[in-house]
């Protein structure tokens, strides 16, 4: 299903959401839990990867800490 795009080797820590930001780098934000204020969370860069994103694909950080992508399912009826 998914194909590996770049090796980042990020070690994931509990309580954080890891994602590929607009610049194509791996960033993380603290996950909202009960009782904490909601709103825009402060993010921090974890790894500088510089992935060029293509339309129609979903980019994510996989279990091994690398950047992968999967084709988005669009237009099914």
Protein backbone atom coordinates (compact mmCIF):
# COMPACT_ATOMS: atom_id res chain seq x y z
CA UNK A 1 0.00 0.00 0.00
CA UNK A 2 2.54 2.60 1.12
CA UNK A 3 5.95 3.30 -0.34
CA UNK A 4 8.96 4.60 1.56
CA UNK A 5 10.04 8.02 0.30
CA UNK A 6 12.94 9.00 2.60
CA UNK A 7 14.85 7.58 5.54
CA UNK A 8 14.63 9.76 8.63
CA UNK A 9 15.19 7.26 11.46
CA UNK A 10 13.08 9.23 13.96
CA UNK A 11 12.62 7.68 17.40
CA UNK A 12 8.99 8.28 18.39
CA UNK A 13 8.19 9.37 21.94
CA UNK A 14 4.83 8.80 23.61
CA UNK A 15 2.43 11.75 23.87
CA UNK A 16 3.49 13.38 20.58
CA UNK A 17 1.93 13.47 17.12
CA UNK A 18 4.55 13.10 14.36
CA UNK A 19 3.83 14.47 10.88
CA UNK A 20 5.42 15.74 7.66
CA UNK A 21 5.17 19.54 7.61
CA UNK A 22 4.81 21.92 4.63
CA UNK A 23 8.57 22.07 4.07
CA UNK A 24 8.75 18.25 3.84
CA UNK A 25 10.49 17.82 7.20
CA UNK A 26 9.41 15.66 10.15
CA UNK A 27 7.84 17.67 12.99
CA UNK A 28 6.00 16.83 16.17
CA UNK A 29 3.34 18.44 18.36
CA UNK A 30 2.15 17.56 21.85
CA UNK A 31 -1.12 15.61 21.74
CA UNK A 32 -4.16 17.16 23.41
CA UNK A 33 -5.32 15.23 26.46
CA UNK A 34 -8.24 15.73 28.82
CA UNK A 35 -8.11 18.91 30.89
CA UNK A 36 -5.49 20.67 28.78
CA UNK A 37 -6.25 23.76 26.73
CA UNK A 38 -7.11 23.21 23.09
CA UNK A 39 -5.98 25.32 20.20
CA UNK A 40 -2.85 25.61 18.11
CA UNK A 41 -0.06 23.53 19.62
CA UNK A 42 3.59 24.53 19.50
CA UNK A 43 5.47 22.35 17.01
CA UNK A 44 9.14 21.46 16.80
CA UNK A 45 11.20 20.04 13.92
CA UNK A 46 12.60 16.60 14.63
CA UNK A 47 14.42 15.78 11.36
CA UNK A 48 15.26 17.81 8.28
CA UNK A 49 14.31 15.63 5.30
CA UNK A 50 13.10 18.03 2.59
CA UNK A 51 10.63 15.70 0.84
CA UNK A 52 8.96 17.12 -2.27
CA UNK A 53 5.23 16.39 -1.97
CA UNK A 54 3.10 15.33 -4.96
CA UNK A 55 -0.62 15.88 -5.32
CA UNK A 56 -2.84 12.90 -4.59
CA UNK A 57 -0.60 11.34 -1.94
CA UNK A 58 -0.78 11.27 1.86
CA UNK A 59 2.65 11.65 3.52
CA UNK A 60 3.24 10.28 7.01
CA UNK A 61 5.89 9.01 9.44
CA UNK A 62 5.74 5.20 9.50
CA UNK A 63 6.46 2.78 12.37
CA UNK A 64 10.19 2.67 11.66
CA UNK A 65 10.42 6.49 11.79
CA UNK A 66 10.83 7.03 8.04
CA UNK A 67 8.72 9.16 5.67
CA UNK A 68 6.25 7.15 3.58
CA UNK A 69 3.38 7.98 1.25
CA UNK A 70 0.13 6.32 0.20
CA UNK A 71 -2.20 7.09 -2.68
CA UNK A 72 -5.29 8.96 -1.43
CA UNK A 73 -8.65 7.34 -2.12
CA UNK A 74 -10.67 10.06 -3.82
CA UNK A 75 -13.86 10.09 -5.85
CA UNK A 76 -15.36 6.73 -4.86
CA UNK A 77 -19.13 6.70 -4.96
